[in-house]
Amino acid sequence: MEKDSLRKIDLVLIGGSAGSLEVILRILPDLKKDLPFAIIIIIHRKSSFESTLTALLASRTSWEVKEAEEKEDILPGIIYLAPADYHLLIEDDRTLSLDYSEKILHSRPAIDATFQTAADVYKDKTAAFLLSGANADGSAGLKAIQQAGGLTIVQDPEEAEIKYMPAQALSKMKPDYILSKYKMAELINQLGNKSS
């Protein structure tokens, strides 16, 4: 299901697990520089991969890429990466919060935790992408964003390296878009045009 009426967006979320990094590395080089929102990336990963991942993402984009920090303001033009082994939450004052509570669906950071708190704070000004992965994390959060009026995008499971995560989301909801990885940067850029 696709919608022609794109809305103003203040925050873009990208969540994924196994197989999603390749998609993110495809999106980043094509992003326009001056889009009027922040991007938060939540990837399931091991602590040992921590510093190299930020550098890898930064090497593919003209955006500033940084690991999210406690009580940090969410500012447009910055890509925030959820730190390994912490849930990344969004507070009512649009700051970031790191949480070490129990894993959700065997994951910390959990995509659901970030998506659900974003839905509470940013409501219909949120756009969320759910990519390849091997568990059901992200489905509940994506549904919460949809219920808050936000825009929901799921990677086409047929081209996902691991289709389980996007397929789980599709079994629970109808997103606004089911997209190929080749179309995602284009949509993010279009959201920027609507937001300006």
N, C-alpha and C. Protein backbone atom coordinates (compact mmCIF):
# COMPACT_ATOMS: atom_id res chain seq x y z
N MET A 1 0.85 -1.19 0.00
CA MET A 1 0.00 0.00 0.00
C MET A 1 0.89 1.24 0.00
N GLU A 2 0.69 2.12 -0.94
CA GLU A 2 1.49 3.33 -1.01
C GLU A 2 0.60 4.55 -0.92
N LYS A 3 1.10 5.58 -0.30
CA LYS A 3 0.33 6.81 -0.14
C LYS A 3 1.04 7.95 -0.86
N ASP A 4 0.26 8.76 -1.56
CA ASP A 4 0.84 9.91 -2.26
C ASP A 4 1.08 11.07 -1.30
N SER A 5 0.30 11.11 -0.22
CA SER A 5 0.36 12.29 0.67
C SER A 5 1.44 12.13 1.72
N LEU A 6 2.65 12.52 1.38
CA LEU A 6 3.73 12.52 2.37
C LEU A 6 3.52 13.70 3.31
N ARG A 7 3.89 13.50 4.56
CA ARG A 7 3.68 14.55 5.57
C ARG A 7 5.00 15.14 6.04
N LYS A 8 4.91 16.21 6.81
CA LYS A 8 6.11 16.83 7.39
C LYS A 8 6.72 15.87 8.41
N ILE A 9 8.01 15.67 8.31
CA ILE A 9 8.71 14.72 9.18
C ILE A 9 9.80 15.45 9.96
N ASP A 10 9.89 15.15 11.27
CA ASP A 10 10.96 15.71 12.11
C ASP A 10 12.01 14.67 12.49
N LEU A 11 11.68 13.38 12.32
CA LEU A 11 12.60 12.32 12.73
C LEU A 11 12.43 11.11 11.82
N VAL A 12 13.56 10.59 11.32
CA VAL A 12 13.57 9.35 10.54
C VAL A 12 14.29 8.28 11.36
N LEU A 13 13.69 7.12 11.47
CA LEU A 13 14.25 5.99 12.19
C LEU A 13 14.53 4.87 11.20
N ILE A 14 15.67 4.22 11.37
CA ILE A 14 16.01 3.06 10.54
C ILE A 14 16.43 1.94 11.47
N GLY A 15 15.68 0.85 11.46
CA GLY A 15 15.98 -0.28 12.33
C GLY A 15 16.23 -1.54 11.53
N GLY A 16 17.19 -2.33 11.98
CA GLY A 16 17.47 -3.58 11.29
C GLY A 16 18.40 -4.46 12.10
N SER A 17 18.54 -5.67 11.61
CA SER A 17 19.42 -6.63 12.27
C SER A 17 20.28 -7.27 11.18
N ALA A 18 20.42 -8.57 11.21
CA ALA A 18 21.28 -9.25 10.24
C ALA A 18 20.85 -8.91 8.82
N GLY A 19 21.81 -8.50 8.00
CA GLY A 19 21.51 -8.17 6.62
C GLY A 19 21.12 -6.72 6.38
N SER A 20 20.98 -5.93 7.44
CA SER A 20 20.52 -4.55 7.27
C SER A 20 21.66 -3.56 7.01
N LEU A 21 22.86 -3.90 7.44
CA LEU A 21 23.97 -2.94 7.28
C LEU A 21 24.22 -2.63 5.81
N GLU A 22 24.14 -3.64 4.97
CA GLU A 22 24.35 -3.45 3.54
C GLU A 22 23.32 -2.47 2.97
N VAL A 23 22.09 -2.55 3.46
CA VAL A 23 21.03 -1.65 3.00
C VAL A 23 21.33 -0.21 3.45
N ILE A 24 21.73 -0.06 4.70
CA ILE A 24 22.05 1.27 5.24
C ILE A 24 23.22 1.89 4.48
N LEU A 25 24.22 1.08 4.17
CA LEU A 25 25.37 1.59 3.42
C LEU A 25 24.99 1.97 1.99
N ARG A 26 23.90 1.44 1.50
CA ARG A 26 23.38 1.82 0.18
C ARG A 26 22.60 3.13 0.27
N ILE A 27 21.88 3.35 1.37
CA ILE A 27 21.06 4.55 1.55
C ILE A 27 21.92 5.79 1.77
N LEU A 28 22.91 5.69 2.64
CA LEU A 28 23.63 6.88 3.13
C LEU A 28 24.26 7.76 2.05
N PRO A 29 24.94 7.19 1.05
CA PRO A 29 25.61 8.07 0.07
C PRO A 29 24.63 8.93 -0.74
N ASP A 30 23.39 8.49 -0.85
CA ASP A 30 22.41 9.18 -1.69
C ASP A 30 21.56 10.21 -0.93
N LEU A 31 21.78 10.36 0.37
CA LEU A 31 20.99 11.32 1.14
C LEU A 31 21.45 12.74 0.84
N LYS A 32 20.48 13.62 0.60
CA LYS A 32 20.80 15.04 0.45
C LYS A 32 21.36 15.57 1.77
N LYS A 33 22.22 16.57 1.68
CA LYS A 33 22.94 17.05 2.86
C LYS A 33 22.04 17.81 3.83
N ASP A 34 21.14 18.64 3.32
CA ASP A 34 20.43 19.57 4.20
C ASP A 34 18.98 19.18 4.48
N LEU A 35 18.75 17.93 4.73
CA LEU A 35 17.39 17.50 5.07
C LEU A 35 17.05 17.99 6.48
N PRO A 36 15.79 18.42 6.69
CA PRO A 36 15.44 19.14 7.93
C PRO A 36 15.03 18.24 9.09
N PHE A 37 15.66 17.07 9.20
CA PHE A 37 15.34 16.18 10.32
C PHE A 37 16.58 15.41 10.74
N ALA A 38 16.49 14.76 11.89
CA ALA A 38 17.54 13.85 12.35
C ALA A 38 17.21 12.44 11.88
N ILE A 39 18.24 11.60 11.84
CA ILE A 39 18.06 10.19 11.53
C ILE A 39 18.66 9.38 12.69
N ILE A 40 17.91 8.40 13.17
CA ILE A 40 18.42 7.51 14.21
C ILE A 40 18.47 6.10 13.64
N ILE A 41 19.63 5.46 13.77
CA ILE A 41 19.82 4.09 13.27
C ILE A 41 19.96 3.15 14.45
N ILE A 42 19.17 2.09 14.43
CA ILE A 42 19.23 1.06 15.48
C ILE A 42 19.57 -0.26 14.79
N ILE A 43 20.76 -0.77 15.05
CA ILE A 43 21.18 -2.06 14.48
C ILE A 43 21.57 -2.98 15.62
N HIS A 44 21.09 -4.22 15.57
CA HIS A 44 21.55 -5.22 16.53
C HIS A 44 23.02 -5.51 16.24
N ARG A 45 23.86 -5.35 17.26
CA ARG A 45 25.30 -5.55 17.04
C ARG A 45 26.01 -5.89 18.33
N LYS A 46 27.20 -6.40 18.19
CA LYS A 46 28.04 -6.75 19.33
C LYS A 46 28.86 -5.54 19.77
N SER A 47 29.20 -5.46 21.04
CA SER A 47 29.97 -4.34 21.57
C SER A 47 31.31 -4.17 20.86
N SER A 48 31.92 -5.26 20.45
CA SER A 48 33.24 -5.20 19.83
C SER A 48 33.22 -4.47 18.48
N PHE A 49 32.03 -4.32 17.91
CA PHE A 49 31.90 -3.68 16.60
C PHE A 49 31.62 -2.19 16.75
N GLU A 50 31.66 -1.70 17.99
CA GLU A 50 31.14 -0.38 18.34
C GLU A 50 31.77 0.77 17.57
N SER A 51 33.07 0.98 17.73
CA SER A 51 33.69 2.18 17.17
C SER A 51 33.82 2.09 15.65
N THR A 52 34.07 0.91 15.14
CA THR A 52 34.26 0.78 13.70
C THR A 52 32.98 1.05 12.93
N LEU A 53 31.83 0.74 13.50
CA LEU A 53 30.56 0.94 12.79
C LEU A 53 30.29 2.43 12.56
N THR A 54 30.51 3.25 13.58
CA THR A 54 30.31 4.69 13.43
C THR A 54 31.20 5.24 12.31
N ALA A 55 32.46 4.83 12.31
CA ALA A 55 33.40 5.29 11.28
C ALA A 55 32.99 4.80 9.90
N LEU A 56 32.52 3.57 9.82
CA LEU A 56 32.09 3.02 8.54
C LEU A 56 30.91 3.81 7.97
N LEU A 57 29.92 4.08 8.82
CA LEU A 57 28.75 4.85 8.36
C LEU A 57 29.16 6.26 7.95
N ALA A 58 30.01 6.88 8.75
CA ALA A 58 30.45 8.26 8.46
C ALA A 58 31.20 8.34 7.14
N SER A 59 31.87 7.26 6.77
CA SER A 59 32.65 7.27 5.52
C SER A 59 31.76 7.24 4.29
N ARG A 60 30.46 6.96 4.48
CA ARG A 60 29.55 6.82 3.34
C ARG A 60 28.61 8.00 3.15
N THR A 61 28.74 9.05 3.98
CA THR A 61 27.77 10.13 3.91
C THR A 61 28.42 11.47 4.25
N SER A 62 27.81 12.54 3.77
CA SER A 62 28.26 13.88 4.12
C SER A 62 27.65 14.35 5.44
N TRP A 63 26.71 13.59 5.98
CA TRP A 63 26.10 13.91 7.28
C TRP A 63 27.09 13.66 8.41
N GLU A 64 26.90 14.36 9.52
CA GLU A 64 27.62 14.00 10.75
C GLU A 64 27.01 12.72 11.30
N VAL A 65 27.87 11.76 11.62
CA VAL A 65 27.41 10.50 12.20
C VAL A 65 28.04 10.36 13.57
N LYS A 66 27.23 10.09 14.59
CA LYS A 66 27.77 9.96 15.94
C LYS A 66 27.00 8.92 16.73
N GLU A 67 27.68 8.34 17.69
CA GLU A 67 26.99 7.44 18.59
C GLU A 67 26.17 8.27 19.58
N ALA A 68 24.94 7.87 19.79
CA ALA A 68 24.04 8.62 20.67
C ALA A 68 24.57 8.64 22.09
N GLU A 69 24.39 9.79 22.76
CA GLU A 69 24.84 9.96 24.14
C GLU A 69 23.66 10.33 25.04
N GLU A 70 23.80 10.02 26.31
CA GLU A 70 22.77 10.31 27.31
C GLU A 70 22.44 11.81 27.35
N LYS A 71 21.15 12.14 27.34
CA LYS A 71 20.63 13.52 27.48
C LYS A 71 21.02 14.43 26.33
N GLU A 72 21.39 13.84 25.20
CA GLU A 72 21.79 14.63 24.02
C GLU A 72 20.54 15.12 23.29
N ASP A 73 20.56 16.37 22.86
CA ASP A 73 19.47 16.91 22.05
C ASP A 73 19.47 16.24 20.68
N ILE A 74 18.27 15.98 20.15
CA ILE A 74 18.13 15.43 18.81
C ILE A 74 18.05 16.60 17.84
N LEU A 75 19.07 16.75 17.00
CA LEU A 75 19.18 17.90 16.11
C LEU A 75 19.12 17.46 14.65
N PRO A 76 18.48 18.27 13.81
CA PRO A 76 18.43 17.93 12.39
C PRO A 76 19.83 17.91 11.77
N GLY A 77 19.98 17.09 10.74
CA GLY A 77 21.25 17.02 10.03
C GLY A 77 22.27 16.10 10.65
N ILE A 78 21.87 15.38 11.70
CA ILE A 78 22.80 14.45 12.37
C ILE A 78 22.21 13.04 12.32
N ILE A 79 23.08 12.06 12.07
CA ILE A 79 22.69 10.65 12.15
C ILE A 79 23.20 10.11 13.49
N TYR A 80 22.28 9.66 14.32
CA TYR A 80 22.61 9.10 15.64
C TYR A 80 22.55 7.57 15.54
N LEU A 81 23.57 6.93 16.08
CA LEU A 81 23.63 5.47 16.09
C LEU A 81 23.40 4.96 17.51
N ALA A 82 22.45 4.05 17.65
CA ALA A 82 22.20 3.46 18.98
C ALA A 82 23.44 2.70 19.43
N PRO A 83 23.96 2.99 20.63
CA PRO A 83 25.17 2.30 21.11
C PRO A 83 24.91 0.81 21.32
N ALA A 84 25.95 0.03 21.18
CA ALA A 84 25.85 -1.40 21.46
C ALA A 84 25.47 -1.61 22.93
N ASP A 85 24.57 -2.56 23.17
CA ASP A 85 24.22 -3.02 24.51
C ASP A 85 23.42 -2.01 25.34
N TYR A 86 22.85 -0.98 24.71
CA TYR A 86 21.93 -0.07 25.39
C TYR A 86 20.67 0.12 24.54
N HIS A 87 19.52 0.18 25.19
CA HIS A 87 18.33 0.63 24.49
C HIS A 87 18.43 2.15 24.33
N LEU A 88 18.03 2.64 23.19
CA LEU A 88 18.05 4.08 22.93
C LEU A 88 16.60 4.59 22.97
N LEU A 89 16.32 5.43 23.96
CA LEU A 89 14.97 5.94 24.16
C LEU A 89 14.90 7.42 23.83
N ILE A 90 13.72 7.89 23.50
CA ILE A 90 13.51 9.30 23.19
C ILE A 90 12.62 9.90 24.27
N GLU A 91 13.12 10.95 24.90
CA GLU A 91 12.40 11.59 26.00
C GLU A 91 11.44 12.66 25.48
N ASP A 92 10.50 13.07 26.35
CA ASP A 92 9.48 14.05 25.96
C ASP A 92 10.08 15.38 25.48
N ASP A 93 11.26 15.73 25.99
CA ASP A 93 11.89 17.00 25.59
C ASP A 93 12.78 16.84 24.35
N ARG A 94 12.60 15.72 23.64
CA ARG A 94 13.34 15.44 22.41
C ARG A 94 14.85 15.34 22.65
N THR A 95 15.17 14.69 23.75
CA THR A 95 16.56 14.31 24.00
C THR A 95 16.65 12.78 23.99
N LEU A 96 17.87 12.28 23.93
CA LEU A 96 18.11 10.84 23.90
C LEU A 96 18.41 10.32 25.30
N SER A 97 18.05 9.10 25.55
CA SER A 97 18.30 8.47 26.83
C SER A 97 18.79 7.05 26.59
N LEU A 98 19.84 6.65 27.32
CA LEU A 98 20.38 5.30 27.21
C LEU A 98 19.85 4.46 28.37
N ASP A 99 19.42 3.26 28.05
CA ASP A 99 18.75 2.42 29.05
C ASP A 99 19.37 1.02 29.01
N TYR A 100 19.70 0.50 30.20
CA TYR A 100 20.34 -0.81 30.27
C TYR A 100 19.39 -1.88 30.83
N SER A 101 18.08 -1.66 30.68
CA SER A 101 17.13 -2.65 31.18
C SER A 101 17.20 -3.92 30.34
N GLU A 102 16.41 -4.93 30.71
CA GLU A 102 16.55 -6.24 30.10
C GLU A 102 16.33 -6.20 28.59
N LYS A 103 16.88 -7.19 27.91
CA LYS A 103 16.78 -7.27 26.46
C LYS A 103 15.31 -7.47 26.05
N ILE A 104 14.99 -6.96 24.88
CA ILE A 104 13.66 -7.14 24.29
C ILE A 104 13.84 -8.02 23.06
N LEU A 105 13.16 -9.16 23.04
CA LEU A 105 13.32 -10.13 21.94
C LEU A 105 14.81 -10.44 21.72
N HIS A 106 15.51 -10.66 22.83
CA HIS A 106 16.94 -11.02 22.83
C HIS A 106 17.85 -9.90 22.31
N SER A 107 17.34 -8.68 22.27
CA SER A 107 18.11 -7.59 21.66
C SER A 107 18.25 -6.38 22.58
N ARG A 108 19.44 -5.83 22.61
CA ARG A 108 19.72 -4.54 23.26
C ARG A 108 20.90 -3.93 22.51
N PRO A 109 20.69 -2.90 21.69
CA PRO A 109 19.47 -2.09 21.60
C PRO A 109 18.33 -2.83 20.88
N ALA A 110 17.12 -2.54 21.33
CA ALA A 110 15.93 -3.08 20.66
C ALA A 110 15.31 -1.99 19.79
N ILE A 111 14.96 -2.37 18.59
CA ILE A 111 14.31 -1.45 17.67
C ILE A 111 12.97 -1.00 18.25
N ASP A 112 12.23 -1.94 18.83
CA ASP A 112 10.92 -1.61 19.41
C ASP A 112 11.02 -0.48 20.43
N ALA A 113 12.05 -0.51 21.29
CA ALA A 113 12.18 0.49 22.35
C ALA A 113 12.31 1.89 21.76
N THR A 114 13.14 2.04 20.73
CA THR A 114 13.32 3.36 20.11
C THR A 114 12.07 3.76 19.33
N PHE A 115 11.54 2.85 18.54
CA PHE A 115 10.35 3.17 17.73
C PHE A 115 9.18 3.58 18.61
N GLN A 116 8.95 2.85 19.71
CA GLN A 116 7.79 3.14 20.55
C GLN A 116 7.93 4.48 21.25
N THR A 117 9.12 4.81 21.74
CA THR A 117 9.28 6.11 22.41
C THR A 117 9.23 7.25 21.39
N ALA A 118 9.69 7.00 20.17
CA ALA A 118 9.58 8.01 19.11
C ALA A 118 8.11 8.28 18.78
N ALA A 119 7.32 7.22 18.72
CA ALA A 119 5.89 7.38 18.44
C ALA A 119 5.23 8.24 19.51
N ASP A 120 5.62 8.05 20.77
CA ASP A 120 5.04 8.83 21.87
C ASP A 120 5.39 10.31 21.76
N VAL A 121 6.59 10.62 21.32
CA VAL A 121 7.10 12.00 21.34
C VAL A 121 6.88 12.71 20.00
N TYR A 122 7.24 12.06 18.91
CA TYR A 122 7.19 12.71 17.60
C TYR A 122 5.87 12.47 16.85
N LYS A 123 5.12 11.47 17.31
CA LYS A 123 3.79 11.16 16.76
C LYS A 123 3.80 11.11 15.22
N ASP A 124 2.98 11.93 14.56
CA ASP A 124 2.86 11.84 13.11
C ASP A 124 4.01 12.50 12.36
N LYS A 125 4.99 13.01 13.10
CA LYS A 125 6.18 13.62 12.48
C LYS A 125 7.33 12.62 12.38
N THR A 126 6.99 11.33 12.51
CA THR A 126 7.98 10.25 12.50
C THR A 126 7.87 9.43 11.22
N ALA A 127 9.00 9.05 10.66
CA ALA A 127 9.03 8.06 9.58
C ALA A 127 9.97 6.95 10.02
N ALA A 128 9.53 5.69 9.90
CA ALA A 128 10.34 4.57 10.38
C ALA A 128 10.49 3.51 9.30
N PHE A 129 11.74 3.08 9.11
CA PHE A 129 12.08 2.03 8.15
C PHE A 129 12.49 0.79 8.92
N LEU A 130 11.93 -0.37 8.55
CA LEU A 130 12.32 -1.64 9.16
C LEU A 130 12.94 -2.51 8.06
N LEU A 131 14.16 -2.97 8.33
CA LEU A 131 14.96 -3.66 7.31
C LEU A 131 15.12 -5.14 7.65
N SER A 132 16.02 -5.78 6.92
CA SER A 132 16.35 -7.19 7.07
C SER A 132 16.71 -7.54 8.52
N GLY A 133 16.34 -8.75 8.93
CA GLY A 133 16.72 -9.21 10.26
C GLY A 133 16.13 -10.58 10.56
N ALA A 134 16.65 -11.18 11.64
CA ALA A 134 16.31 -12.57 11.95
C ALA A 134 15.39 -12.74 13.14
N ASN A 135 14.87 -11.64 13.72
CA ASN A 135 13.87 -11.81 14.77
C ASN A 135 12.73 -10.82 14.56
N ALA A 136 11.77 -10.81 15.48
CA ALA A 136 10.55 -10.02 15.28
C ALA A 136 10.65 -8.61 15.88
N ASP A 137 11.82 -8.23 16.36
CA ASP A 137 11.99 -6.88 16.90
C ASP A 137 11.63 -5.85 15.82
N GLY A 138 10.96 -4.78 16.23
CA GLY A 138 10.60 -3.73 15.29
C GLY A 138 9.13 -3.73 14.91
N SER A 139 8.49 -4.89 14.91
CA SER A 139 7.08 -4.96 14.49
C SER A 139 6.16 -4.16 15.40
N ALA A 140 6.31 -4.34 16.71
CA ALA A 140 5.44 -3.62 17.66
C ALA A 140 5.70 -2.12 17.59
N GLY A 141 6.97 -1.74 17.48
CA GLY A 141 7.31 -0.33 17.40
C GLY A 141 6.79 0.32 16.13
N LEU A 142 6.88 -0.41 15.02
CA LEU A 142 6.37 0.11 13.75
C LEU A 142 4.86 0.32 13.82
N LYS A 143 4.19 -0.62 14.47
CA LYS A 143 2.74 -0.50 14.63
C LYS A 143 2.40 0.72 15.50
N ALA A 144 3.19 0.96 16.54
CA ALA A 144 2.96 2.12 17.41
C ALA A 144 3.13 3.43 16.62
N ILE A 145 4.12 3.47 15.74
CA ILE A 145 4.32 4.66 14.91
C ILE A 145 3.15 4.87 13.97
N GLN A 146 2.67 3.79 13.39
CA GLN A 146 1.50 3.89 12.50
C GLN A 146 0.28 4.40 13.27
N GLN A 147 0.08 3.87 14.46
CA GLN A 147 -1.08 4.29 15.27
C GLN A 147 -0.98 5.75 15.69
N ALA A 148 0.26 6.27 15.80
CA ALA A 148 0.46 7.68 16.16
C ALA A 148 0.37 8.60 14.93
N GLY A 149 0.16 8.01 13.76
CA GLY A 149 0.02 8.80 12.55
C GLY A 149 1.30 8.96 11.76
N GLY A 150 2.38 8.28 12.19
CA GLY A 150 3.65 8.37 11.49
C GLY A 150 3.67 7.53 10.22
N LEU A 151 4.75 7.68 9.47
CA LEU A 151 4.92 6.99 8.20
C LEU A 151 5.71 5.71 8.43
N THR A 152 5.25 4.59 7.87
CA THR A 152 5.90 3.30 8.11
C THR A 152 6.35 2.70 6.78
N ILE A 153 7.61 2.21 6.79
CA ILE A 153 8.21 1.65 5.58
C ILE A 153 8.88 0.33 5.95
N VAL A 154 8.59 -0.71 5.19
CA VAL A 154 9.18 -2.02 5.43
C VAL A 154 9.94 -2.43 4.17
N GLN A 155 11.15 -2.95 4.37
CA GLN A 155 11.91 -3.47 3.23
C GLN A 155 11.17 -4.65 2.64
N ASP A 156 11.13 -4.72 1.33
CA ASP A 156 10.51 -5.84 0.64
C ASP A 156 11.19 -7.14 1.09
N PRO A 157 10.45 -8.03 1.76
CA PRO A 157 11.09 -9.26 2.27
C PRO A 157 11.72 -10.10 1.16
N GLU A 158 11.18 -10.01 -0.03
CA GLU A 158 11.69 -10.83 -1.13
C GLU A 158 13.12 -10.49 -1.51
N GLU A 159 13.56 -9.26 -1.19
CA GLU A 159 14.95 -8.91 -1.52
C GLU A 159 15.80 -8.76 -0.27
N ALA A 160 15.20 -8.90 0.91
CA ALA A 160 15.98 -8.79 2.15
C ALA A 160 16.91 -9.99 2.28
N GLU A 161 18.10 -9.74 2.80
CA GLU A 161 19.05 -10.84 3.00
C GLU A 161 18.44 -11.87 3.95
N ILE A 162 17.81 -11.37 5.03
CA ILE A 162 17.07 -12.26 5.93
C ILE A 162 15.66 -11.68 6.05
N LYS A 163 14.70 -12.38 5.51
CA LYS A 163 13.36 -11.81 5.34
C LYS A 163 12.49 -11.86 6.59
N TYR A 164 12.94 -12.56 7.65
CA TYR A 164 12.07 -12.80 8.80
C TYR A 164 11.55 -11.50 9.43
N MET A 165 12.44 -10.53 9.68
CA MET A 165 12.02 -9.30 10.37
C MET A 165 10.99 -8.50 9.56
N PRO A 166 11.26 -8.19 8.29
CA PRO A 166 10.23 -7.48 7.54
C PRO A 166 8.96 -8.30 7.34
N ALA A 167 9.08 -9.61 7.18
CA ALA A 167 7.89 -10.45 7.00
C ALA A 167 7.04 -10.46 8.27
N GLN A 168 7.69 -10.47 9.44
CA GLN A 168 6.94 -10.41 10.70
C GLN A 168 6.12 -9.12 10.79
N ALA A 169 6.74 -8.00 10.40
CA ALA A 169 6.01 -6.73 10.43
C ALA A 169 4.82 -6.78 9.49
N LEU A 170 5.01 -7.32 8.31
CA LEU A 170 3.92 -7.38 7.33
C LEU A 170 2.80 -8.31 7.77
N SER A 171 3.12 -9.27 8.62
CA SER A 171 2.07 -10.18 9.11
C SER A 171 1.19 -9.50 10.17
N LYS A 172 1.66 -8.37 10.71
CA LYS A 172 0.94 -7.69 11.79
C LYS A 172 0.31 -6.37 11.37
N MET A 173 0.72 -5.82 10.22
CA MET A 173 0.24 -4.50 9.82
C MET A 173 0.44 -4.29 8.33
N LYS A 174 -0.21 -3.24 7.81
CA LYS A 174 0.02 -2.81 6.42
C LYS A 174 0.76 -1.49 6.47
N PRO A 175 2.04 -1.49 6.12
CA PRO A 175 2.80 -0.24 6.18
C PRO A 175 2.39 0.69 5.03
N ASP A 176 2.85 1.93 5.10
CA ASP A 176 2.59 2.88 4.02
C ASP A 176 3.35 2.49 2.77
N TYR A 177 4.54 1.94 2.94
CA TYR A 177 5.37 1.55 1.80
C TYR A 177 6.04 0.22 2.07
N ILE A 178 6.12 -0.62 1.04
CA ILE A 178 7.00 -1.79 1.03
C ILE A 178 8.00 -1.48 -0.07
N LEU A 179 9.25 -1.26 0.31
CA LEU A 179 10.21 -0.70 -0.63
C LEU A 179 11.43 -1.59 -0.85
N SER A 180 11.96 -1.51 -2.05
CA SER A 180 13.28 -2.06 -2.34
C SER A 180 14.33 -1.16 -1.69
N LYS A 181 15.45 -1.76 -1.33
CA LYS A 181 16.56 -0.98 -0.76
C LYS A 181 17.02 0.11 -1.72
N TYR A 182 16.77 -0.07 -3.01
CA TYR A 182 17.21 0.91 -4.01
C TYR A 182 16.33 2.17 -4.02
N LYS A 183 15.17 2.12 -3.36
CA LYS A 183 14.21 3.23 -3.38
C LYS A 183 14.17 4.02 -2.07
N MET A 184 14.88 3.55 -1.06
CA MET A 184 14.73 4.13 0.28
C MET A 184 15.32 5.53 0.39
N ALA A 185 16.51 5.75 -0.15
CA ALA A 185 17.12 7.09 -0.08
C ALA A 185 16.24 8.11 -0.80
N GLU A 186 15.68 7.70 -1.92
CA GLU A 186 14.81 8.59 -2.69
C GLU A 186 13.62 9.03 -1.84
N LEU A 187 13.01 8.10 -1.10
CA LEU A 187 11.87 8.47 -0.26
C LEU A 187 12.31 9.40 0.86
N ILE A 188 13.44 9.13 1.50
CA ILE A 188 13.91 10.00 2.58
C ILE A 188 14.14 11.42 2.04
N ASN A 189 14.72 11.53 0.87
CA ASN A 189 14.92 12.86 0.26
C ASN A 189 13.60 13.55 -0.03
N GLN A 190 12.60 12.79 -0.47
CA GLN A 190 11.27 13.36 -0.71
C GLN A 190 10.64 13.86 0.58
N LEU A 191 10.86 13.13 1.66
CA LEU A 191 10.34 13.57 2.96
C LEU A 191 10.96 14.90 3.35
N GLY A 192 12.21 15.09 3.00
CA GLY A 192 12.88 16.36 3.26
C GLY A 192 12.25 17.51 2.49
N ASN A 193 11.84 17.24 1.26
CA ASN A 193 11.18 18.28 0.47
C ASN A 193 9.85 18.68 1.08
N LYS A 194 9.12 17.69 1.62
CA LYS A 194 7.83 17.97 2.24
C LYS A 194 8.00 18.75 3.54
N SER A 195 9.14 18.49 4.20
CA SER A 195 9.34 19.08 5.53
C SER A 195 9.83 20.51 5.48
N SER A 196 10.32 20.94 4.34
CA SER A 196 10.93 22.27 4.30
C SER A 196 9.91 23.36 4.08
